[in-house]
C-alpha atoms as a PDB file:
ATOM      1  CA  MET A   1      10.765 -50.857 -24.266  1.00  0.00           C
ATOM      2  CA  LEU A   2      13.360 -50.800 -21.501  1.00  0.00           C
ATOM      3  CA  VAL A   3      14.286 -47.255 -22.550  1.00  0.00           C
ATOM      4  CA  GLU A   4      10.657 -46.046 -22.535  1.00  0.00           C
ATOM      5  CA  ARG A   5       9.890 -47.219 -19.008  1.00  0.00           C
ATOM      6  CA  PRO A   6      12.464 -44.972 -17.245  1.00  0.00           C
ATOM      7  CA  ALA A   7      11.409 -42.073 -19.467  1.00  0.00           C
ATOM      8  CA  ARG A   8       7.767 -42.630 -18.628  1.00  0.00           C
ATOM      9  CA  MET A   9       8.570 -42.912 -14.930  1.00  0.00           C
ATOM     10  CA  PHE A  10      10.537 -39.673 -15.115  1.00  0.00           C
ATOM     11  CA  ARG A  11       7.558 -37.912 -16.724  1.00  0.00           C
ATOM     12  CA  LEU A  12       5.230 -39.203 -13.995  1.00  0.00           C
ATOM     13  CA  ILE A  13       7.611 -38.065 -11.259  1.00  0.00           C
ATOM     14  CA  ALA A  14       7.935 -34.664 -12.913  1.00  0.00           C
ATOM     15  CA  LEU A  15       4.153 -34.352 -13.178  1.00  0.00           C
ATOM     16  CA  ALA A  16       3.709 -35.299  -9.519  1.00  0.00           C
ATOM     17  CA  TYR A  17       6.314 -32.715  -8.547  1.00  0.00           C
ATOM     18  CA  LEU A  18       4.551 -29.998 -10.534  1.00  0.00           C
ATOM     19  CA  CYS A  19       1.225 -30.876  -8.897  1.00  0.00           C
ATOM     20  CA  LEU A  20       2.835 -30.747  -5.458  1.00  0.00           C
ATOM     21  CA  ALA A  21       4.488 -27.427  -6.252  1.00  0.00           C
ATOM     22  CA  ALA A  22       1.169 -25.990  -7.413  1.00  0.00           C
ATOM     23  CA  SER A  23      -0.499 -27.198  -4.220  1.00  0.00           C
ATOM     24  CA  VAL A  24       2.189 -25.663  -2.043  1.00  0.00           C
ATOM     25  CA  SER A  25       2.129 -22.339  -3.922  1.00  0.00           C
ATOM     26  CA  ALA A  26      -1.655 -22.188  -3.562  1.00  0.00           C
ATOM     27  CA  GLU A  27      -1.555 -22.915   0.166  1.00  0.00           C
ATOM     28  CA  CYS A  28      -3.038 -20.135   2.244  1.00  0.00           C
ATOM     29  CA  SER A  29      -0.951 -19.619   5.358  1.00  0.00           C
ATOM     30  CA  ARG A  30      -1.552 -17.424   8.358  1.00  0.00           C
ATOM     31  CA  ARG A  31       1.730 -15.687   7.630  1.00  0.00           C
ATOM     32  CA  LEU A  32       0.522 -14.808   4.122  1.00  0.00           C
ATOM     33  CA  LEU A  33      -2.727 -13.366   5.477  1.00  0.00           C
ATOM     34  CA  LYS A  34      -0.998 -11.410   8.251  1.00  0.00           C
ATOM     35  CA  ASN A  35       1.344  -9.898   5.702  1.00  0.00           C
ATOM     36  CA  ALA A  36      -1.693  -8.801   3.666  1.00  0.00           C
ATOM     37  CA  THR A  37      -3.445  -7.146   6.631  1.00  0.00           C
ATOM     38  CA  GLU A  38      -0.226  -5.455   7.780  1.00  0.00           C
ATOM     39  CA  GLN A  39       0.215  -4.037   4.296  1.00  0.00           C
ATOM     40  CA  TYR A  40      -3.412  -2.929   4.230  1.00  0.00           C
ATOM     41  CA  VAL A  41      -3.142  -1.068   7.558  1.00  0.00           C
ATOM     42  CA  ALA A  42       0.082   0.615   6.423  1.00  0.00           C
ATOM     43  CA  ALA A  43      -1.481   1.579   3.097  1.00  0.00           C
ATOM     44  CA  GLN A  44      -4.536   3.131   4.780  1.00  0.00           C
ATOM     45  CA  SER A  45      -2.387   5.004   7.304  1.00  0.00           C
ATOM     46  CA  SER A  46      -0.270   6.550   4.570  1.00  0.00           C
ATOM     47  CA  GLY A  47      -2.734   6.689   1.691  1.00  0.00           C
ATOM     48  CA  GLN A  48      -0.132   4.864  -0.398  1.00  0.00           C
ATOM     49  CA  ILE A  49      -1.825   1.997  -2.234  1.00  0.00           C
ATOM     50  CA  GLY A  50       1.539   0.891  -3.609  1.00  0.00           C
ATOM     51  CA  ILE A  51       2.377  -0.539  -0.182  1.00  0.00           C
ATOM     52  CA  LEU A  52      -0.058  -3.352  -1.044  1.00  0.00           C
ATOM     53  CA  THR A  53       2.498  -5.369  -2.985  1.00  0.00           C
ATOM     54  CA  SER A  54       0.254  -8.443  -2.836  1.00  0.00           C
ATOM     55  CA  LEU A  55      -2.546  -6.628  -4.704  1.00  0.00           C
ATOM     56  CA  ALA A  56      -3.743  -8.457  -7.831  1.00  0.00           C
ATOM     57  CA  SER A  57      -3.798  -6.429 -11.040  1.00  0.00           C
ATOM     58  CA  ASN A  58      -7.501  -7.228 -11.496  1.00  0.00           C
ATOM     59  CA  VAL A  59      -8.558  -6.620  -7.881  1.00  0.00           C
ATOM     60  CA  THR A  60     -12.245  -5.925  -7.220  1.00  0.00           C
ATOM     61  CA  TYR A  61     -12.683  -3.005  -4.833  1.00  0.00           C
ATOM     62  CA  THR A  62     -15.956  -1.875  -3.227  1.00  0.00           C
ATOM     63  CA  GLU A  63     -16.990   0.615  -0.563  1.00  0.00           C
ATOM     64  CA  ASN A  64     -20.389   0.083   1.039  1.00  0.00           C
ATOM     65  CA  GLU A  65     -21.212  -2.462  -1.682  1.00  0.00           C
ATOM     66  CA  LYS A  66     -20.485  -0.011  -4.521  1.00  0.00           C
ATOM     67  CA  PRO A  67     -17.657  -0.760  -6.998  1.00  0.00           C
ATOM     68  CA  LEU A  68     -14.981   1.930  -7.024  1.00  0.00           C
ATOM     69  CA  ASP A  69     -11.608   2.590  -8.551  1.00  0.00           C
ATOM     70  CA  ILE A  70      -9.237   1.725  -5.725  1.00  0.00           C
ATOM     71  CA  LYS A  71      -7.149   4.779  -6.635  1.00  0.00           C
ATOM     72  CA  THR A  72     -10.034   7.138  -5.801  1.00  0.00           C
ATOM     73  CA  GLY A  73     -11.457   5.376  -2.733  1.00  0.00           C
ATOM     74  CA  VAL A  74     -10.830   5.973   0.956  1.00  0.00           C
ATOM     75  CA  LEU A  75      -7.763   3.732   0.746  1.00  0.00           C
ATOM     76  CA  SER A  76      -6.032   6.482  -1.255  1.00  0.00           C
ATOM     77  CA  GLN A  77      -6.447   8.931   1.660  1.00  0.00           C
ATOM     78  CA  PRO A  78      -3.966   8.991   4.561  1.00  0.00           C
ATOM     79  CA  ILE A  79      -5.906   8.431   7.783  1.00  0.00           C
ATOM     80  CA  LYS A  80      -4.541   8.653  11.310  1.00  0.00           C
ATOM     81  CA  LEU A  81      -5.509   5.340  12.894  1.00  0.00           C
ATOM     82  CA  ASP A  82      -5.992   4.943  16.641  1.00  0.00           C
ATOM     83  CA  GLN A  83      -6.611   1.208  16.700  1.00  0.00           C
ATOM     84  CA  ASN A  84      -6.734  -1.725  14.331  1.00  0.00           C
ATOM     85  CA  LEU A  85      -7.692  -5.366  14.743  1.00  0.00           C
ATOM     86  CA  SER A  86      -7.363  -8.108  12.138  1.00  0.00           C
ATOM     87  CA  ILE A  87      -8.518 -11.703  11.891  1.00  0.00           C
ATOM     88  CA  HIS A  88      -7.253 -14.315   9.446  1.00  0.00           C
ATOM     89  CA  ASP A  89      -9.106 -17.233   7.854  1.00  0.00           C
ATOM     90  CA  THR A  90      -6.773 -19.803   6.271  1.00  0.00           C
ATOM     91  CA  THR A  91      -9.706 -21.984   5.165  1.00  0.00           C
ATOM     92  CA  LEU A  92     -11.321 -19.299   2.981  1.00  0.00           C
ATOM     93  CA  CYS A  93      -8.046 -17.401   2.476  1.00  0.00           C
ATOM     94  CA  ALA A  94      -9.767 -14.269   3.736  1.00  0.00           C
ATOM     95  CA  THR A  95      -9.156 -11.510   6.263  1.00  0.00           C
ATOM     96  CA  PHE A  96     -11.134  -8.900   8.150  1.00  0.00           C
ATOM     97  CA  THR A  97      -9.672  -5.698   9.577  1.00  0.00           C
ATOM     98  CA  GLN A  98     -11.376  -3.179  11.851  1.00  0.00           C
ATOM     99  CA  LEU A  99      -9.927   0.345  11.726  1.00  0.00           C
ATOM    100  CA  ILE A 100     -10.832   3.049  14.247  1.00  0.00           C
ATOM    101  CA  ALA A 101      -9.835   6.632  13.425  1.00  0.00           C
ATOM    102  CA  ALA A 102     -11.337   8.672  16.256  1.00  0.00           C
ATOM    103  CA  THR A 103      -8.735  11.439  16.466  1.00  0.00           C
ATOM    104  CA  ALA A 104      -8.276  11.875  12.719  1.00  0.00           C
ATOM    105  CA  GLU A 105      -9.325  15.154  11.099  1.00  0.00           C
ATOM    106  CA  HIS A 106     -12.137  13.151   9.498  1.00  0.00           C
ATOM    107  CA  PRO A 107     -13.175  10.396  11.932  1.00  0.00           C
ATOM    108  CA  TYR A 108     -13.942   6.969  10.508  1.00  0.00           C
ATOM    109  CA  VAL A 109     -14.629   3.428  11.615  1.00  0.00           C
ATOM    110  CA  ILE A 110     -13.900   1.057   8.744  1.00  0.00           C
ATOM    111  CA  GLY A 111     -14.331  -2.673   8.344  1.00  0.00           C
ATOM    112  CA  THR A 112     -12.523  -4.342   5.453  1.00  0.00           C
ATOM    113  CA  ARG A 113     -12.809  -7.906   4.180  1.00  0.00           C
ATOM    114  CA  MET A 114     -10.132  -9.146   1.792  1.00  0.00           C
ATOM    115  CA  LEU A 115     -10.022 -12.335  -0.273  1.00  0.00           C
ATOM    116  CA  LEU A 116      -6.795 -13.802  -1.623  1.00  0.00           C
ATOM    117  CA  THR A 117      -6.193 -16.161  -4.536  1.00  0.00           C
ATOM    118  CA  ASP A 118      -2.757 -17.577  -5.371  1.00  0.00           C
ATOM    119  CA  ASP A 119      -1.049 -15.272  -2.870  1.00  0.00           C
ATOM    120  CA  LYS A 120      -2.714 -12.148  -4.313  1.00  0.00           C
ATOM    121  CA  ILE A 121      -5.487  -9.918  -2.949  1.00  0.00           C
ATOM    122  CA  THR A 122      -8.290 -10.306  -5.484  1.00  0.00           C
ATOM    123  CA  LYS A 123     -11.171  -8.650  -3.619  1.00  0.00           C
ATOM    124  CA  ILE A 124     -11.413  -5.818  -1.080  1.00  0.00           C
ATOM    125  CA  GLU A 125     -14.808  -5.055   0.453  1.00  0.00           C
ATOM    126  CA  SER A 126     -14.839  -2.055   2.790  1.00  0.00           C
ATOM    127  CA  ILE A 127     -17.673  -0.783   4.920  1.00  0.00           C
ATOM    128  CA  VAL A 128     -16.736   2.838   5.487  1.00  0.00           C
ATOM    129  CA  THR A 129     -18.695   4.561   8.255  1.00  0.00           C
ATOM    130  CA  ASP A 130     -18.509   8.186   9.302  1.00  0.00           C
ATOM    131  CA  ASP A 131     -20.791  10.992  10.469  1.00  0.00           C
ATOM    132  CA  GLY A 132     -24.404  10.172   9.623  1.00  0.00           C
ATOM    133  CA  ASP A 133     -24.045   6.411   9.556  1.00  0.00           C
ATOM    134  CA  TRP A 134     -25.844   4.170  12.059  1.00  0.00           C
ATOM    135  CA  LEU A 135     -25.200   5.533  15.604  1.00  0.00           C
ATOM    136  CA  PHE A 136     -21.776   6.704  14.427  1.00  0.00           C
ATOM    137  CA  ASN A 137     -19.387   7.953  17.080  1.00  0.00           C
ATOM    138  CA  ALA A 138     -15.745   7.024  16.490  1.00  0.00           C
ATOM    139  CA  THR A 139     -14.725   8.326  19.916  1.00  0.00           C
ATOM    140  CA  GLY A 140     -17.245   6.027  21.564  1.00  0.00           C
ATOM    141  CA  TYR A 141     -16.172   3.130  19.372  1.00  0.00           C
ATOM    142  CA  LEU A 142     -12.540   3.596  20.369  1.00  0.00           C
ATOM    143  CA  HIS A 143     -13.385   4.036  24.051  1.00  0.00           C
ATOM    144  CA  TRP A 144     -15.452   0.884  24.397  1.00  0.00           C
ATOM    145  CA  ALA A 145     -13.300  -1.268  22.128  1.00  0.00           C
ATOM    146  CA  SER A 146     -10.281  -0.328  24.239  1.00  0.00           C
ATOM    147  CA  GLN A 147     -11.981  -1.737  27.341  1.00  0.00           C
ATOM    148  CA  GLU A 148     -12.397  -5.187  25.795  1.00  0.00           C
ATOM    149  CA  ASN A 149     -10.067  -8.171  25.503  1.00  0.00           C
ATOM    150  CA  TRP A 150      -9.692  -9.512  21.957  1.00  0.00           C
ATOM    151  CA  ASP A 151      -6.401 -11.338  22.599  1.00  0.00           C
ATOM    152  CA  PRO A 152      -5.785 -14.740  20.994  1.00  0.00           C
ATOM    153  CA  ILE A 153      -7.629 -17.594  22.709  1.00  0.00           C
ATOM    154  CA  PRO A 154      -5.362 -20.061  24.589  1.00  0.00           C
ATOM    155  CA  GLU A 155      -4.918 -23.127  22.385  1.00  0.00           C
ATOM    156  CA  ASP A 156      -6.560 -25.522  24.834  1.00  0.00           C
ATOM    157  CA  LYS A 157      -9.681 -23.325  25.011  1.00  0.00           C
ATOM    158  CA  ARG A 158     -10.234 -22.635  21.325  1.00  0.00           C
ATOM    159  CA  ASP A 159     -13.551 -23.452  19.725  1.00  0.00           C
ATOM    160  CA  SER A 160     -13.854 -25.132  16.356  1.00  0.00           C
ATOM    161  CA  ARG A 161     -14.578 -23.164  13.219  1.00  0.00           C
ATOM    162  CA  GLU A 162     -18.056 -24.665  13.118  1.00  0.00           C
ATOM    163  CA  VAL A 163     -18.895 -23.588  16.693  1.00  0.00           C
ATOM    164  CA  ILE A 164     -17.673 -20.025  16.129  1.00  0.00           C
ATOM    165  CA  GLN A 165     -19.583 -19.544  12.869  1.00  0.00           C
ATOM    166  CA  ALA A 166     -22.715 -21.180  14.284  1.00  0.00           C
ATOM    167  CA  ALA A 167     -22.790 -18.606  17.100  1.00  0.00           C
ATOM    168  CA  GLY A 168     -22.874 -15.720  14.617  1.00  0.00           C
ATOM    169  CA  ASP A 169     -25.442 -17.453  12.435  1.00  0.00           C
ATOM    170  CA  ALA A 170     -27.702 -18.121  15.429  1.00  0.00           C
ATOM    171  CA  TYR A 171     -27.694 -14.394  16.238  1.00  0.00           C
ATOM    172  CA  PHE A 172     -29.014 -13.512  12.779  1.00  0.00           C
ATOM    173  CA  ASN A 173     -31.372 -16.485  12.615  1.00  0.00           C
ATOM    174  CA  ARG A 174     -32.946 -15.095  15.789  1.00  0.00           C
ATOM    175  CA  PHE A 175     -33.885 -11.968  13.768  1.00  0.00           C
ATOM    176  CA  GLN A 176     -36.450 -14.067  11.926  1.00  0.00           C
ATOM    177  CA  ASN A 177     -37.446 -16.510  14.644  1.00  0.00           C
ATOM    178  CA  VAL A 178     -37.551 -15.492  18.320  1.00  0.00           C
ATOM    179  CA  ASN A 179     -37.420 -19.149  19.312  1.00  0.00           C
ATOM    180  CA  VAL A 180     -33.882 -19.574  18.008  1.00  0.00           C
ATOM    181  CA  SER A 181     -31.448 -20.106  20.869  1.00  0.00           C
ATOM    182  CA  VAL A 182     -28.429 -17.799  20.651  1.00  0.00           C
ATOM    183  CA  PRO A 183     -25.355 -18.745  22.718  1.00  0.00           C
ATOM    184  CA  PHE A 184     -24.955 -15.421  24.505  1.00  0.00           C
ATOM    185  CA  GLY A 185     -22.406 -15.392  27.275  1.00  0.00           C
ATOM    186  CA  SER A 186     -22.693 -13.521  30.519  1.00  0.00           C
ATOM    187  CA  PRO A 187     -21.291 -10.943  30.347  1.00  0.00           C
ATOM    188  CA  CYS A 188     -21.956 -10.085  26.707  1.00  0.00           C
ATOM    189  CA  ALA A 189     -21.856  -6.575  25.249  1.00  0.00           C
ATOM    190  CA  ARG A 190     -22.583  -5.121  21.805  1.00  0.00           C
ATOM    191  CA  LEU A 191     -20.774  -2.115  20.331  1.00  0.00           C
ATOM    192  CA  GLU A 192     -22.885  -0.497  17.650  1.00  0.00           C
ATOM    193  CA  GLY A 193     -21.599   2.544  15.793  1.00  0.00           C
ATOM    194  CA  GLY A 194     -20.242   3.957  19.048  1.00  0.00           C
ATOM    195  CA  ALA A 195     -23.081   3.072  21.423  1.00  0.00           C
ATOM    196  CA  TYR A 196     -22.499   0.295  23.963  1.00  0.00           C
ATOM    197  CA  THR A 197     -25.187  -1.944  25.398  1.00  0.00           C
ATOM    198  CA  ASP A 198     -23.364  -2.236  28.725  1.00  0.00           C
ATOM    199  CA  SER A 199     -22.195   1.355  29.146  1.00  0.00           C
ATOM    200  CA  SER A 200     -23.068   1.222  32.864  1.00  0.00           C
ATOM    201  CA  GLY A 201     -20.684  -1.690  33.378  1.00  0.00           C
ATOM    202  CA  ALA A 202     -23.342  -3.789  35.077  1.00  0.00           C
ATOM    203  CA  GLY A 203     -22.211  -6.994  33.346  1.00  0.00           C
ATOM    204  CA  GLY A 204     -24.605  -9.749  32.380  1.00  0.00           C
ATOM    205  CA  ASN A 205     -25.952 -10.318  28.897  1.00  0.00           C
ATOM    206  CA  THR A 206     -26.856  -7.087  27.111  1.00  0.00           C
ATOM    207  CA  CYS A 207     -26.229  -8.435  23.590  1.00  0.00           C
ATOM    208  CA  ASN A 208     -29.861  -9.488  23.249  1.00  0.00           C
ATOM    209  CA  LEU A 209     -31.269  -5.998  23.735  1.00  0.00           C
ATOM    210  CA  GLY A 210     -33.234  -4.317  20.945  1.00  0.00           C
ATOM    211  CA  LEU A 211     -33.117  -7.246  18.507  1.00  0.00           C
ATOM    212  CA  PRO A 212     -35.641  -7.409  15.655  1.00  0.00           C
ATOM    213  CA  SER A 213     -37.977 -10.374  15.287  1.00  0.00           C
ATOM    214  CA  ASN A 214     -39.225 -10.212  11.696  1.00  0.00           C
ATOM    215  CA  LEU A 215     -36.152  -9.798   9.480  1.00  0.00           C
ATOM    216  CA  THR A 216     -34.468 -12.269   7.165  1.00  0.00           C
ATOM    217  CA  VAL A 217     -30.734 -11.664   6.857  1.00  0.00           C
ATOM    218  CA  SER A 218     -29.138 -13.142   3.753  1.00  0.00           C
ATOM    219  CA  ASN A 219     -26.032 -12.804   1.590  1.00  0.00           C
ATOM    220  CA  ARG A 220     -23.797 -13.663   4.535  1.00  0.00           C
ATOM    221  CA  ARG A 221     -20.045 -13.721   3.847  1.00  0.00           C
ATOM    222  CA  TYR A 222     -17.740 -15.063   6.526  1.00  0.00           C
ATOM    223  CA  VAL A 223     -14.259 -14.668   7.905  1.00  0.00           C
ATOM    224  CA  VAL A 224     -13.518 -17.113  10.749  1.00  0.00           C
ATOM    225  CA  ASP A 225     -10.395 -17.102  12.914  1.00  0.00           C
ATOM    226  CA  GLU A 226     -10.156 -19.947  15.419  1.00  0.00           C
ATOM    227  CA  GLU A 227      -7.060 -18.503  17.118  1.00  0.00           C
ATOM    228  CA  MET A 228      -8.883 -15.252  17.839  1.00  0.00           C
ATOM    229  CA  GLY A 229     -12.256 -16.877  18.468  1.00  0.00           C
ATOM    230  CA  VAL A 230     -13.883 -14.463  16.012  1.00  0.00           C
ATOM    231  CA  VAL A 231     -16.273 -14.675  13.107  1.00  0.00           C
ATOM    232  CA  ASP A 232     -17.018 -11.579  11.081  1.00  0.00           C
ATOM    233  CA  ILE A 233     -20.143 -11.714   8.935  1.00  0.00           C
ATOM    234  CA  TYR A 234     -20.753  -9.328   6.047  1.00  0.00           C
ATOM    235  CA  LEU A 235     -24.395  -9.023   5.027  1.00  0.00           C
ATOM    236  CA  GLY A 236     -27.195  -6.790   3.850  1.00  0.00           C
ATOM    237  CA  PHE A 237     -29.222  -5.494   6.818  1.00  0.00           C
ATOM    238  CA  PRO A 238     -32.854  -5.074   5.705  1.00  0.00           C
ATOM    239  CA  GLY A 239     -34.990  -2.248   7.057  1.00  0.00           C
ATOM    240  CA  LEU A 240     -32.166  -0.429   8.825  1.00  0.00           C
ATOM    241  CA  ASP A 241     -32.413   2.786   6.812  1.00  0.00           C
ATOM    242  CA  GLN A 242     -35.952   4.093   7.212  1.00  0.00           C
ATOM    243  CA  SER A 243     -35.650   6.223   4.075  1.00  0.00           C
ATOM    244  CA  VAL A 244     -35.170   3.128   1.894  1.00  0.00           C
ATOM    245  CA  VAL A 245     -36.781   0.345   3.919  1.00  0.00           C
ATOM    246  CA  GLU A 246     -36.731  -2.075   0.993  1.00  0.00           C
ATOM    247  CA  GLN A 247     -32.948  -1.687   0.552  1.00  0.00           C
ATOM    248  CA  ALA A 248     -30.558  -3.781   2.670  1.00  0.00           C
ATOM    249  CA  MET A 249     -27.770  -1.702   4.168  1.00  0.00           C
ATOM    250  CA  PRO A 250     -24.105  -2.783   3.977  1.00  0.00           C
ATOM    251  CA  ASP A 251     -23.298  -4.248   7.385  1.00  0.00           C
ATOM    252  CA  SER A 252     -20.578  -6.063   9.297  1.00  0.00           C
ATOM    253  CA  HIS A 253     -20.962  -7.917  12.604  1.00  0.00           C
ATOM    254  CA  ALA A 254     -17.861  -9.274  14.338  1.00  0.00           C
ATOM    255  CA  PHE A 255     -18.508 -11.836  17.087  1.00  0.00           C
ATOM    256  CA  ARG A 256     -15.963 -12.753  19.741  1.00  0.00           C
ATOM    257  CA  VAL A 257     -16.756 -16.301  20.912  1.00  0.00           C
ATOM    258  CA  GLU A 258     -15.265 -17.763  24.083  1.00  0.00           C
ATOM    259  CA  GLU A 259     -15.933 -21.398  25.041  1.00  0.00           C
ATOM    260  CA  GLY A 260     -18.896 -21.489  22.700  1.00  0.00           C
ATOM    261  CA  LYS A 261     -20.494 -18.290  24.046  1.00  0.00           C
ATOM    262  CA  ILE A 262     -20.669 -14.837  22.467  1.00  0.00           C
ATOM    263  CA  ARG A 263     -18.675 -12.361  24.574  1.00  0.00           C
ATOM    264  CA  TYR A 264     -18.561  -9.261  22.348  1.00  0.00           C
ATOM    265  CA  ILE A 265     -20.258  -8.033  19.184  1.00  0.00           C
ATOM    266  CA  HIS A 266     -18.957  -5.159  17.045  1.00  0.00           C
ATOM    267  CA  THR A 267     -21.215  -3.780  14.319  1.00  0.00           C
ATOM    268  CA  LEU A 268     -20.699  -1.387  11.411  1.00  0.00           C
ATOM    269  CA  SER A 269     -23.613  -0.208   9.276  1.00  0.00           C
ATOM    270  CA  SER A 270     -23.669   2.431   6.558  1.00  0.00           C
ATOM    271  CA  CYS A 271     -26.727   4.540   5.716  1.00  0.00           C
ATOM    272  CA  VAL A 272     -28.158   6.173   2.622  1.00  0.00           C
ATOM    273  CA  LYS A 273     -29.783   9.043   4.509  1.00  0.00           C
ATOM    274  CA  PHE A 274     -28.170  10.760   7.492  1.00  0.00           C
ATOM    275  CA  GLY A 275     -28.854   8.700  10.603  1.00  0.00           C
ATOM    276  CA  CYS A 276     -30.506   6.000   8.495  1.00  0.00           C
ATOM    277  CA  GLY A 277     -33.634   8.161   8.370  1.00  0.00           C
ATOM    278  CA  SER A 278     -34.065   8.197  12.163  1.00  0.00           C
ATOM    279  CA  ASN A 279     -34.302  11.466  14.068  1.00  0.00           C
ATOM    280  CA  PHE A 280     -31.677  10.788  16.684  1.00  0.00           C
ATOM    281  CA  THR A 281     -27.936  10.469  17.077  1.00  0.00           C
ATOM    282  CA  ILE A 282     -25.905   8.462  19.556  1.00  0.00           C
ATOM    283  CA  ILE A 283     -27.610   7.651  22.842  1.00  0.00           C
ATOM    284  CA  PRO A 284     -25.300   8.010  25.869  1.00  0.00           C
ATOM    285  CA  THR A 285     -26.805   5.352  28.126  1.00  0.00           C
ATOM    286  CA  HIS A 286     -27.822   1.827  27.218  1.00  0.00           C
ATOM    287  CA  TYR A 287     -31.231   2.241  28.892  1.00  0.00           C
ATOM    288  CA  ARG A 288     -32.296   5.088  26.590  1.00  0.00           C
ATOM    289  CA  ARG A 289     -30.686   3.385  23.621  1.00  0.00           C
ATOM    290  CA  ILE A 290     -32.745   0.231  24.107  1.00  0.00           C
ATOM    291  CA  SER A 291     -36.005   2.157  23.932  1.00  0.00           C
ATOM    292  CA  ARG A 292     -34.931   3.950  20.773  1.00  0.00           C
ATOM    293  CA  LEU A 293     -33.833   0.722  19.065  1.00  0.00           C
ATOM    294  CA  SER A 294     -37.089  -0.993  19.907  1.00  0.00           C
ATOM    295  CA  LYS A 295     -39.005   1.668  17.961  1.00  0.00           C
ATOM    296  CA  ILE A 296     -37.159   0.940  14.738  1.00  0.00           C
ATOM    297  CA  TYR A 297     -38.321  -2.601  14.084  1.00  0.00           C
END
């Protein structure tokens, strides 16, 4: 009996140690996520998927909501990148990266959401936009994005995860109910495909221009970064492509939230038909753009 007690205690200690080790190994750190996004950017720049050493063997890879072999997708093509921005969500162990390739031979703006499990990338969802997608203009996207400040939020001014996500949700809830209060800041500007709601630089809130009032947005998937004050929401955008009104288009909206207010919105939306079935391309001034957007919904 005296011999069994130490042995039993040893087994309990060993079991507790194994549980602790498993918990530590499964921890999702910011460093882990940053390493994943750095590898992703390097892989896309070079077209060398092998750079993604944290890639799971059974990774799920999609482009514009369609499953693809990662070896034949856009990630296998070297693309000259002009700008990239990543956010990191240690709660969901997820990342979002925005890539702007305006001066590449084939211009792109790409948004990629990655999910990690046990230190490995298990899902990559890319929204790949180029010529013919919603208001696409990579040069405009790069120009306006370069004018904005997406630096980390000072620690004493950071909003909670709940506040940041609620701001993005309120924006989409407003699509269905015009009485929903959205915490727009002033100034607030929206970058959409390459068009900018405050291209005149007047300031004020232009994020609320041209919003629909009869759409239900579902299938929301989130990446929230409190340090950056950003929530990116992946979703299906109903009614965007006029050639397939019943089909929700793959869409990403990234919201920069400062002191509880939306400061910037970046959107990416792919289309089935060129221009999403609308007979116009990018609109150079926000005044003309507003009138065109209002005709869509």
